[in-house]
Amino acid sequence: MAKTKLLKQLEELKVELSQLHVAEVTGGMASKLSKIRKFYKGKKYKPLDLRPRKTCPMGH
């Protein structure tokens, strides 16, 4: 019983993550981007559009 419940929850979370990746690529809503940011917090690598934009401010 518990295993089937966990597997169902896992599938739902996988679907949500794939939807978030699509939203990230298409420049989705801020709430979805914040969920993606939470996922990548503390990780070594982040998607390019979630990294801080430093090049222009550093030059000024």
PDB file of N, CA and C in Angstrom:
ATOM      1  N   MET A   1       0.831  -1.205   0.000  1.00  0.00           N
ATOM      2  CA  MET A   1       0.000   0.000   0.000  1.00  0.00           C
ATOM      3  C   MET A   1       0.865   1.254   0.000  1.00  0.00           C
ATOM      4  N   ALA A   2       1.801   1.329   0.947  1.00  0.00           N
ATOM      5  CA  ALA A   2       2.628   2.526   1.061  1.00  0.00           C
ATOM      6  C   ALA A   2       3.526   2.681  -0.158  1.00  0.00           C
ATOM      7  N   LYS A   3       4.005   1.547  -0.685  1.00  0.00           N
ATOM      8  CA  LYS A   3       4.904   1.614  -1.834  1.00  0.00           C
ATOM      9  C   LYS A   3       4.178   2.166  -3.059  1.00  0.00           C
ATOM     10  N   THR A   4       2.937   1.736  -3.277  1.00  0.00           N
ATOM     11  CA  THR A   4       2.189   2.233  -4.428  1.00  0.00           C
ATOM     12  C   THR A   4       1.909   3.725  -4.290  1.00  0.00           C
ATOM     13  N   LYS A   5       1.642   4.157  -3.061  1.00  0.00           N
ATOM     14  CA  LYS A   5       1.401   5.580  -2.813  1.00  0.00           C
ATOM     15  C   LYS A   5       2.647   6.402  -3.128  1.00  0.00           C
ATOM     16  N   LEU A   6       3.806   5.886  -2.677  1.00  0.00           N
ATOM     17  CA  LEU A   6       5.065   6.590  -2.917  1.00  0.00           C
ATOM     18  C   LEU A   6       5.401   6.637  -4.403  1.00  0.00           C
ATOM     19  N   LEU A   7       5.140   5.535  -5.099  1.00  0.00           N
ATOM     20  CA  LEU A   7       5.402   5.514  -6.536  1.00  0.00           C
ATOM     21  C   LEU A   7       4.512   6.508  -7.271  1.00  0.00           C
ATOM     22  N   LYS A   8       3.262   6.608  -6.845  1.00  0.00           N
ATOM     23  CA  LYS A   8       2.343   7.565  -7.464  1.00  0.00           C
ATOM     24  C   LYS A   8       2.810   8.993  -7.216  1.00  0.00           C
ATOM     25  N   GLN A   9       3.258   9.265  -5.978  1.00  0.00           N
ATOM     26  CA  GLN A   9       3.753  10.600  -5.649  1.00  0.00           C
ATOM     27  C   GLN A   9       5.013  10.914  -6.456  1.00  0.00           C
ATOM     28  N   LEU A  10       5.872   9.906  -6.624  1.00  0.00           N
ATOM     29  CA  LEU A  10       7.092  10.088  -7.406  1.00  0.00           C
ATOM     30  C   LEU A  10       6.761  10.468  -8.840  1.00  0.00           C
ATOM     31  N   GLU A  11       5.787   9.779  -9.428  1.00  0.00           N
ATOM     32  CA  GLU A  11       5.379  10.087 -10.797  1.00  0.00           C
ATOM     33  C   GLU A  11       4.840  11.512 -10.903  1.00  0.00           C
ATOM     34  N   GLU A  12       4.023  11.919  -9.924  1.00  0.00           N
ATOM     35  CA  GLU A  12       3.467  13.274  -9.939  1.00  0.00           C
ATOM     36  C   GLU A  12       4.571  14.315  -9.852  1.00  0.00           C
ATOM     37  N   LEU A  13       5.563  14.068  -8.999  1.00  0.00           N
ATOM     38  CA  LEU A  13       6.661  15.020  -8.853  1.00  0.00           C
ATOM     39  C   LEU A  13       7.522  15.076 -10.110  1.00  0.00           C
ATOM     40  N   LYS A  14       7.694  13.929 -10.770  1.00  0.00           N
ATOM     41  CA  LYS A  14       8.452  13.913 -12.022  1.00  0.00           C
ATOM     42  C   LYS A  14       7.740  14.734 -13.089  1.00  0.00           C
ATOM     43  N   VAL A  15       6.422  14.588 -13.151  1.00  0.00           N
ATOM     44  CA  VAL A  15       5.638  15.356 -14.120  1.00  0.00           C
ATOM     45  C   VAL A  15       5.757  16.844 -13.820  1.00  0.00           C
ATOM     46  N   GLU A  16       5.667  17.208 -12.538  1.00  0.00           N
ATOM     47  CA  GLU A  16       5.776  18.618 -12.157  1.00  0.00           C
ATOM     48  C   GLU A  16       7.146  19.167 -12.511  1.00  0.00           C
ATOM     49  N   LEU A  17       8.194  18.378 -12.278  1.00  0.00           N
ATOM     50  CA  LEU A  17       9.544  18.833 -12.591  1.00  0.00           C
ATOM     51  C   LEU A  17       9.708  19.045 -14.090  1.00  0.00           C
ATOM     52  N   SER A  18       9.154  18.146 -14.894  1.00  0.00           N
ATOM     53  CA  SER A  18       9.264  18.317 -16.343  1.00  0.00           C
ATOM     54  C   SER A  18       8.507  19.561 -16.795  1.00  0.00           C
ATOM     55  N   GLN A  19       7.365  19.842 -16.172  1.00  0.00           N
ATOM     56  CA  GLN A  19       6.619  21.060 -16.500  1.00  0.00           C
ATOM     57  C   GLN A  19       7.410  22.298 -16.109  1.00  0.00           C
ATOM     58  N   LEU A  20       8.114  22.219 -14.977  1.00  0.00           N
ATOM     59  CA  LEU A  20       8.923  23.357 -14.544  1.00  0.00           C
ATOM     60  C   LEU A  20      10.074  23.601 -15.511  1.00  0.00           C
ATOM     61  N   HIS A  21      10.663  22.527 -16.038  1.00  0.00           N
ATOM     62  CA  HIS A  21      11.737  22.699 -17.007  1.00  0.00           C
ATOM     63  C   HIS A  21      11.217  23.373 -18.267  1.00  0.00           C
ATOM     64  N   VAL A  22      10.018  23.013 -18.694  1.00  0.00           N
ATOM     65  CA  VAL A  22       9.414  23.654 -19.863  1.00  0.00           C
ATOM     66  C   VAL A  22       9.179  25.130 -19.570  1.00  0.00           C
ATOM     67  N   ALA A  23       8.686  25.446 -18.372  1.00  0.00           N
ATOM     68  CA  ALA A  23       8.439  26.838 -17.997  1.00  0.00           C
ATOM     69  C   ALA A  23       9.746  27.613 -17.956  1.00  0.00           C
ATOM     70  N   GLU A  24      10.817  26.945 -17.525  1.00  0.00           N
ATOM     71  CA  GLU A  24      12.125  27.594 -17.451  1.00  0.00           C
ATOM     72  C   GLU A  24      12.593  27.971 -18.851  1.00  0.00           C
ATOM     73  N   VAL A  25      12.412  27.071 -19.803  1.00  0.00           N
ATOM     74  CA  VAL A  25      12.864  27.314 -21.168  1.00  0.00           C
ATOM     75  C   VAL A  25      12.037  28.415 -21.813  1.00  0.00           C
ATOM     76  N   THR A  26      10.730  28.416 -21.560  1.00  0.00           N
ATOM     77  CA  THR A  26       9.862  29.401 -22.198  1.00  0.00           C
ATOM     78  C   THR A  26       9.797  30.707 -21.415  1.00  0.00           C
ATOM     79  N   GLY A  27      10.539  30.804 -20.308  1.00  0.00           N
ATOM     80  CA  GLY A  27      10.499  32.029 -19.506  1.00  0.00           C
ATOM     81  C   GLY A  27       9.187  32.134 -18.765  1.00  0.00           C
ATOM     82  N   GLY A  28       8.874  31.131 -17.971  1.00  0.00           N
ATOM     83  CA  GLY A  28       7.577  31.031 -17.306  1.00  0.00           C
ATOM     84  C   GLY A  28       7.389  31.997 -16.163  1.00  0.00           C
ATOM     85  N   MET A  29       6.334  31.758 -15.390  1.00  0.00           N
ATOM     86  CA  MET A  29       5.960  32.648 -14.294  1.00  0.00           C
ATOM     87  C   MET A  29       6.999  32.621 -13.180  1.00  0.00           C
ATOM     88  N   ALA A  30       6.999  33.664 -12.371  1.00  0.00           N
ATOM     89  CA  ALA A  30       7.988  33.803 -11.302  1.00  0.00           C
ATOM     90  C   ALA A  30       7.842  32.703 -10.255  1.00  0.00           C
ATOM     91  N   SER A  31       6.607  32.274  -9.983  1.00  0.00           N
ATOM     92  CA  SER A  31       6.413  31.244  -8.954  1.00  0.00           C
ATOM     93  C   SER A  31       7.062  29.929  -9.375  1.00  0.00           C
ATOM     94  N   LYS A  32       6.959  29.603 -10.661  1.00  0.00           N
ATOM     95  CA  LYS A  32       7.579  28.369 -11.138  1.00  0.00           C
ATOM     96  C   LYS A  32       9.092  28.502 -11.123  1.00  0.00           C
ATOM     97  N   LEU A  33       9.594  29.674 -11.492  1.00  0.00           N
ATOM     98  CA  LEU A  33      11.040  29.873 -11.474  1.00  0.00           C
ATOM     99  C   LEU A  33      11.578  29.804 -10.057  1.00  0.00           C
ATOM    100  N   SER A  34      10.803  30.276  -9.079  1.00  0.00           N
ATOM    101  CA  SER A  34      11.273  30.204  -7.693  1.00  0.00           C
ATOM    102  C   SER A  34      11.337  28.752  -7.229  1.00  0.00           C
ATOM    103  N   LYS A  35      10.412  27.905  -7.701  1.00  0.00           N
ATOM    104  CA  LYS A  35      10.476  26.480  -7.366  1.00  0.00           C
ATOM    105  C   LYS A  35      11.737  25.855  -7.952  1.00  0.00           C
ATOM    106  N   ILE A  36      12.062  26.254  -9.184  1.00  0.00           N
ATOM    107  CA  ILE A  36      13.277  25.732  -9.815  1.00  0.00           C
ATOM    108  C   ILE A  36      14.499  26.206  -9.042  1.00  0.00           C
ATOM    109  N   ARG A  37      14.476  27.467  -8.596  1.00  0.00           N
ATOM    110  CA  ARG A  37      15.600  28.003  -7.818  1.00  0.00           C
ATOM    111  C   ARG A  37      15.798  27.217  -6.524  1.00  0.00           C
ATOM    112  N   LYS A  38      14.688  26.876  -5.856  1.00  0.00           N
ATOM    113  CA  LYS A  38      14.786  26.091  -4.621  1.00  0.00           C
ATOM    114  C   LYS A  38      15.447  24.749  -4.894  1.00  0.00           C
ATOM    115  N   PHE A  39      15.100  24.148  -6.027  1.00  0.00           N
ATOM    116  CA  PHE A  39      15.656  22.845  -6.367  1.00  0.00           C
ATOM    117  C   PHE A  39      17.165  22.932  -6.568  1.00  0.00           C
ATOM    118  N   TYR A  40      17.632  23.987  -7.206  1.00  0.00           N
ATOM    119  CA  TYR A  40      19.051  24.112  -7.523  1.00  0.00           C
ATOM    120  C   TYR A  40      19.860  24.778  -6.422  1.00  0.00           C
ATOM    121  N   LYS A  41      19.222  25.218  -5.332  1.00  0.00           N
ATOM    122  CA  LYS A  41      19.947  25.904  -4.264  1.00  0.00           C
ATOM    123  C   LYS A  41      20.960  24.955  -3.629  1.00  0.00           C
ATOM    124  N   GLY A  42      22.209  25.402  -3.543  1.00  0.00           N
ATOM    125  CA  GLY A  42      23.254  24.598  -2.939  1.00  0.00           C
ATOM    126  C   GLY A  42      23.908  23.614  -3.893  1.00  0.00           C
ATOM    127  N   LYS A  43      23.399  23.495  -5.119  1.00  0.00           N
ATOM    128  CA  LYS A  43      24.004  22.598  -6.094  1.00  0.00           C
ATOM    129  C   LYS A  43      25.210  23.290  -6.726  1.00  0.00           C
ATOM    130  N   LYS A  44      26.092  22.501  -7.298  1.00  0.00           N
ATOM    131  CA  LYS A  44      27.307  23.059  -7.884  1.00  0.00           C
ATOM    132  C   LYS A  44      26.996  23.816  -9.178  1.00  0.00           C
ATOM    133  N   TYR A  45      26.131  23.262 -10.005  1.00  0.00           N
ATOM    134  CA  TYR A  45      25.827  23.881 -11.289  1.00  0.00           C
ATOM    135  C   TYR A  45      24.373  24.325 -11.325  1.00  0.00           C
ATOM    136  N   LYS A  46      24.125  25.454 -11.988  1.00  0.00           N
ATOM    137  CA  LYS A  46      22.771  25.972 -12.161  1.00  0.00           C
ATOM    138  C   LYS A  46      22.538  26.237 -13.641  1.00  0.00           C
ATOM    139  N   PRO A  47      21.288  26.266 -14.070  1.00  0.00           N
ATOM    140  CA  PRO A  47      21.005  26.663 -15.447  1.00  0.00           C
ATOM    141  C   PRO A  47      21.466  28.094 -15.686  1.00  0.00           C
ATOM    142  N   LEU A  48      21.826  28.392 -16.916  1.00  0.00           N
ATOM    143  CA  LEU A  48      22.399  29.703 -17.229  1.00  0.00           C
ATOM    144  C   LEU A  48      21.469  30.849 -16.871  1.00  0.00           C
ATOM    145  N   ASP A  49      20.169  30.673 -17.087  1.00  0.00           N
ATOM    146  CA  ASP A  49      19.256  31.788 -16.825  1.00  0.00           C
ATOM    147  C   ASP A  49      18.968  31.975 -15.341  1.00  0.00           C
ATOM    148  N   LEU A  50      19.434  31.056 -14.475  1.00  0.00           N
ATOM    149  CA  LEU A  50      19.264  31.247 -13.035  1.00  0.00           C
ATOM    150  C   LEU A  50      20.526  31.799 -12.384  1.00  0.00           C
ATOM    151  N   ARG A  51      21.604  31.870 -13.158  1.00  0.00           N
ATOM    152  CA  ARG A  51      22.838  32.434 -12.610  1.00  0.00           C
ATOM    153  C   ARG A  51      22.740  33.949 -12.621  1.00  0.00           C
ATOM    154  N   PRO A  52      23.447  34.614 -11.685  1.00  0.00           N
ATOM    155  CA  PRO A  52      23.383  36.081 -11.665  1.00  0.00           C
ATOM    156  C   PRO A  52      24.048  36.683 -12.900  1.00  0.00           C
ATOM    157  N   ARG A  53      23.488  37.790 -13.380  1.00  0.00           N
ATOM    158  CA  ARG A  53      24.051  38.477 -14.539  1.00  0.00           C
ATOM    159  C   ARG A  53      25.102  39.456 -14.041  1.00  0.00           C
ATOM    160  N   LYS A  54      26.358  39.131 -14.238  1.00  0.00           N
ATOM    161  CA  LYS A  54      27.421  39.930 -13.647  1.00  0.00           C
ATOM    162  C   LYS A  54      28.217  40.746 -14.656  1.00  0.00           C
ATOM    163  N   THR A  55      28.278  40.348 -15.905  1.00  0.00           N
ATOM    164  CA  THR A  55      29.231  40.934 -16.837  1.00  0.00           C
ATOM    165  C   THR A  55      29.071  42.438 -16.967  1.00  0.00           C
ATOM    166  N   CYS A  56      27.877  42.895 -17.212  1.00  0.00           N
ATOM    167  CA  CYS A  56      27.654  44.332 -17.401  1.00  0.00           C
ATOM    168  C   CYS A  56      27.877  45.121 -16.105  1.00  0.00           C
ATOM    169  N   PRO A  57      27.319  44.713 -14.969  1.00  0.00           N
ATOM    170  CA  PRO A  57      27.536  45.485 -13.738  1.00  0.00           C
ATOM    171  C   PRO A  57      29.002  45.544 -13.306  1.00  0.00           C
ATOM    172  N   MET A  58      29.778  44.501 -13.608  1.00  0.00           N
ATOM    173  CA  MET A  58      31.186  44.500 -13.210  1.00  0.00           C
ATOM    174  C   MET A  58      31.962  45.578 -13.963  1.00  0.00           C
ATOM    175  N   GLY A  59      31.541  45.849 -15.201  1.00  0.00           N
ATOM    176  CA  GLY A  59      32.276  46.821 -16.016  1.00  0.00           C
ATOM    177  C   GLY A  59      32.009  48.256 -15.619  1.00  0.00           C
ATOM    178  N   HIS A  60      30.931  48.511 -14.900  1.00  0.00           N
ATOM    179  CA  HIS A  60      30.583  49.903 -14.575  1.00  0.00           C
ATOM    180  C   HIS A  60      31.072  50.308 -13.227  1.00  0.00           C
TER     181      HIS A  60
END
